[in-house]
Amino acid sequence: MSTKQSIVTLSTPIIRGEQSISQIEVRHPKSGELRGLALADLLRLEVDSLRKLLPRITIPTLVDQEVSSLPPSDLVKLGMEVASFLAPTEILTESLDT
């Protein structure tokens, strides 16, 4: 079952000034934060959609440039969290059972 937020550990930390960010909290998006985005694109981990959504739902807040600079493996980790928030619980349960 998905919770209201999840912590993602990055394989490559984000350097912001003198700060190194190695963990990102991804919180469950509210409907307003999905404006201008197609849910199907987010479920397909479409990069441009993730670039728009992640700054809206991450703590610390990622900026577009930071999302664009993520290694693909870290973008997939974050995208999978987003997809798990959007998928109905029944689908997630069924996929775990098979």
C-alpha atoms as a PDB file:
ATOM      1  CA  MET A   1       0.000   0.000   0.000  1.00  0.00           C
ATOM      2  CA  SER A   2       1.311   3.416  -0.871  1.00  0.00           C
ATOM      3  CA  THR A   3       1.818   6.061   1.798  1.00  0.00           C
ATOM      4  CA  LYS A   4       1.527   9.828   1.529  1.00  0.00           C
ATOM      5  CA  GLN A   5       5.283  10.163   0.975  1.00  0.00           C
ATOM      6  CA  SER A   6       8.328   8.099   0.255  1.00  0.00           C
ATOM      7  CA  ILE A   7      12.067   8.620   0.632  1.00  0.00           C
ATOM      8  CA  VAL A   8      14.242   7.939  -2.416  1.00  0.00           C
ATOM      9  CA  THR A   9      17.992   7.516  -1.971  1.00  0.00           C
ATOM     10  CA  LEU A  10      19.870   8.831  -4.982  1.00  0.00           C
ATOM     11  CA  SER A  11      22.774   6.888  -6.445  1.00  0.00           C
ATOM     12  CA  THR A  12      24.398  10.203  -7.360  1.00  0.00           C
ATOM     13  CA  PRO A  13      23.830  13.036  -4.864  1.00  0.00           C
ATOM     14  CA  ILE A  14      22.702  16.439  -6.091  1.00  0.00           C
ATOM     15  CA  ILE A  15      25.185  19.185  -5.224  1.00  0.00           C
ATOM     16  CA  ARG A  16      23.485  22.476  -4.353  1.00  0.00           C
ATOM     17  CA  GLY A  17      26.080  25.002  -3.321  1.00  0.00           C
ATOM     18  CA  GLU A  18      27.931  23.365  -0.437  1.00  0.00           C
ATOM     19  CA  GLN A  19      25.019  21.026   0.307  1.00  0.00           C
ATOM     20  CA  SER A  20      24.941  17.433  -0.928  1.00  0.00           C
ATOM     21  CA  ILE A  21      21.430  16.006  -1.318  1.00  0.00           C
ATOM     22  CA  SER A  22      21.391  12.222  -1.298  1.00  0.00           C
ATOM     23  CA  GLN A  23      17.772  11.615  -0.286  1.00  0.00           C
ATOM     24  CA  ILE A  24      14.608  13.116  -1.726  1.00  0.00           C
ATOM     25  CA  GLU A  25      11.179  12.911  -0.144  1.00  0.00           C
ATOM     26  CA  VAL A  26       8.513  12.419  -2.790  1.00  0.00           C
ATOM     27  CA  ARG A  27       5.020  13.164  -1.552  1.00  0.00           C
ATOM     28  CA  HIS A  28       1.710  12.076  -2.961  1.00  0.00           C
ATOM     29  CA  PRO A  29       0.602  14.670  -5.554  1.00  0.00           C
ATOM     30  CA  LYS A  30      -2.668  16.507  -5.124  1.00  0.00           C
ATOM     31  CA  SER A  31      -4.926  16.971  -8.133  1.00  0.00           C
ATOM     32  CA  GLY A  32      -3.875  20.611  -8.572  1.00  0.00           C
ATOM     33  CA  GLU A  33      -0.229  19.582  -8.817  1.00  0.00           C
ATOM     34  CA  LEU A  34      -1.106  17.366 -11.775  1.00  0.00           C
ATOM     35  CA  ARG A  35      -2.426  20.313 -13.822  1.00  0.00           C
ATOM     36  CA  GLY A  36      -1.206  20.322 -17.393  1.00  0.00           C
ATOM     37  CA  LEU A  37      -0.006  16.715 -17.150  1.00  0.00           C
ATOM     38  CA  ALA A  38      -1.443  13.495 -18.558  1.00  0.00           C
ATOM     39  CA  LEU A  39      -1.606  10.695 -16.013  1.00  0.00           C
ATOM     40  CA  ALA A  40      -0.731   8.179 -18.721  1.00  0.00           C
ATOM     41  CA  ASP A  41       2.513  10.083 -19.414  1.00  0.00           C
ATOM     42  CA  LEU A  42       3.466   9.918 -15.738  1.00  0.00           C
ATOM     43  CA  LEU A  43       2.678   6.197 -15.579  1.00  0.00           C
ATOM     44  CA  ARG A  44       4.922   5.701 -18.639  1.00  0.00           C
ATOM     45  CA  LEU A  45       7.662   7.689 -16.821  1.00  0.00           C
ATOM     46  CA  GLU A  46       7.680  10.257 -19.628  1.00  0.00           C
ATOM     47  CA  VAL A  47      10.661  12.494 -18.886  1.00  0.00           C
ATOM     48  CA  ASP A  48       9.082  15.880 -19.697  1.00  0.00           C
ATOM     49  CA  SER A  49       6.091  15.117 -17.462  1.00  0.00           C
ATOM     50  CA  LEU A  50       8.350  14.055 -14.599  1.00  0.00           C
ATOM     51  CA  ARG A  51      10.399  17.243 -15.076  1.00  0.00           C
ATOM     52  CA  LYS A  52       7.207  19.267 -14.571  1.00  0.00           C
ATOM     53  CA  LEU A  53       5.822  17.282 -11.643  1.00  0.00           C
ATOM     54  CA  LEU A  54       8.863  16.489  -9.492  1.00  0.00           C
ATOM     55  CA  PRO A  55       9.593  20.134  -8.532  1.00  0.00           C
ATOM     56  CA  ARG A  56       5.996  20.329  -7.274  1.00  0.00           C
ATOM     57  CA  ILE A  57       6.154  17.269  -5.000  1.00  0.00           C
ATOM     58  CA  THR A  58       9.737  16.858  -3.758  1.00  0.00           C
ATOM     59  CA  ILE A  59      11.358  17.885  -0.486  1.00  0.00           C
ATOM     60  CA  PRO A  60      13.780  19.517  -0.770  1.00  0.00           C
ATOM     61  CA  THR A  61      12.178  21.070  -3.818  1.00  0.00           C
ATOM     62  CA  LEU A  62      14.117  20.084  -6.910  1.00  0.00           C
ATOM     63  CA  VAL A  63      14.454  22.698  -9.634  1.00  0.00           C
ATOM     64  CA  ASP A  64      14.038  21.808 -13.304  1.00  0.00           C
ATOM     65  CA  GLN A  65      17.784  21.957 -13.930  1.00  0.00           C
ATOM     66  CA  GLU A  66      18.435  19.471 -11.111  1.00  0.00           C
ATOM     67  CA  VAL A  67      15.799  17.062 -12.439  1.00  0.00           C
ATOM     68  CA  SER A  68      17.269  17.395 -15.940  1.00  0.00           C
ATOM     69  CA  SER A  69      20.744  16.594 -14.592  1.00  0.00           C
ATOM     70  CA  LEU A  70      19.732  13.421 -12.747  1.00  0.00           C
ATOM     71  CA  PRO A  71      21.245  10.155 -13.941  1.00  0.00           C
ATOM     72  CA  PRO A  72      18.602   7.998 -15.660  1.00  0.00           C
ATOM     73  CA  SER A  73      18.648   5.472 -12.793  1.00  0.00           C
ATOM     74  CA  ASP A  74      17.733   8.163 -10.248  1.00  0.00           C
ATOM     75  CA  LEU A  75      15.031   9.608 -12.511  1.00  0.00           C
ATOM     76  CA  VAL A  76      13.531   6.119 -12.831  1.00  0.00           C
ATOM     77  CA  LYS A  77      13.584   5.678  -9.027  1.00  0.00           C
ATOM     78  CA  LEU A  78      11.715   8.956  -8.555  1.00  0.00           C
ATOM     79  CA  GLY A  79       9.350   8.182 -11.447  1.00  0.00           C
ATOM     80  CA  MET A  80       8.507   4.771 -10.012  1.00  0.00           C
ATOM     81  CA  GLU A  81       7.482   6.430  -6.760  1.00  0.00           C
ATOM     82  CA  VAL A  82       5.236   8.807  -8.689  1.00  0.00           C
ATOM     83  CA  ALA A  83       3.707   5.903 -10.622  1.00  0.00           C
ATOM     84  CA  SER A  84       3.097   3.958  -7.411  1.00  0.00           C
ATOM     85  CA  PHE A  85       1.165   6.919  -5.991  1.00  0.00           C
ATOM     86  CA  LEU A  86      -1.034   7.088  -9.102  1.00  0.00           C
ATOM     87  CA  ALA A  87      -1.731   3.388  -9.620  1.00  0.00           C
ATOM     88  CA  PRO A  88      -4.811   2.006  -7.844  1.00  0.00           C
ATOM     89  CA  THR A  89      -3.929  -0.176  -4.875  1.00  0.00           C
ATOM     90  CA  GLU A  90      -5.621  -3.194  -6.497  1.00  0.00           C
ATOM     91  CA  ILE A  91      -3.265  -3.029  -9.492  1.00  0.00           C
ATOM     92  CA  LEU A  92      -0.197  -2.821  -7.280  1.00  0.00           C
ATOM     93  CA  THR A  93      -1.396  -5.769  -5.204  1.00  0.00           C
ATOM     94  CA  GLU A  94      -2.108  -7.860  -8.323  1.00  0.00           C
ATOM     95  CA  SER A  95       1.314  -7.129  -9.800  1.00  0.00           C
ATOM     96  CA  LEU A  96       3.004  -8.240  -6.573  1.00  0.00           C
ATOM     97  CA  ASP A  97       0.987 -11.480  -6.543  1.00  0.00           C
ATOM     98  CA  THR A  98       2.126 -12.526 -10.038  1.00  0.00           C
END
